[in-house]
Amino acid sequence: MTQTILLKKLKEIKKFERMSEIKELKQVKKRNI
């Protein structure tokens, strides 16, 4: 039970990290243009 909750949290964190990475990438692209 606790393991599945941990897995879900981990997935959410990873998703959030990816979203922030994508935002940073977009900002960098805007600067380069």
Protein backbone atom coordinates (compact mmCIF):
# COMPACT_ATOMS: atom_id res chain seq x y z
CA MET A 1 0.00 0.00 0.00
CA THR A 2 2.61 2.56 1.04
CA GLN A 3 4.80 1.54 -1.89
CA THR A 4 2.17 2.47 -4.48
CA ILE A 5 1.68 5.85 -2.82
CA LEU A 6 5.44 6.44 -2.96
CA LEU A 7 5.50 5.45 -6.63
CA LYS A 8 2.68 7.87 -7.42
CA LYS A 9 4.46 10.70 -5.62
CA LEU A 10 7.68 9.87 -7.44
CA LYS A 11 5.88 10.00 -10.81
CA GLU A 12 4.31 13.34 -9.92
CA ILE A 13 7.69 14.76 -8.92
CA LYS A 14 9.29 13.51 -12.14
CA LYS A 15 6.45 15.03 -14.19
CA PHE A 16 6.84 18.34 -12.38
CA GLU A 17 10.60 18.28 -12.96
CA ARG A 18 10.09 17.66 -16.67
CA MET A 19 7.58 20.50 -16.89
CA SER A 20 10.01 22.91 -15.25
CA GLU A 21 12.79 21.68 -17.55
CA ILE A 22 10.61 22.33 -20.60
CA LYS A 23 9.79 25.83 -19.31
CA GLU A 24 13.49 26.56 -18.86
CA LEU A 25 14.24 25.27 -22.35
CA LYS A 26 11.56 27.53 -23.85
CA GLN A 27 12.97 30.53 -21.97
CA VAL A 28 16.47 29.76 -23.24
CA LYS A 29 15.17 29.49 -26.81
CA LYS A 30 13.47 32.87 -26.47
CA ARG A 31 16.73 34.41 -25.29
CA ASN A 32 18.65 32.91 -28.19
CA ILE A 33 16.24 34.28 -30.80
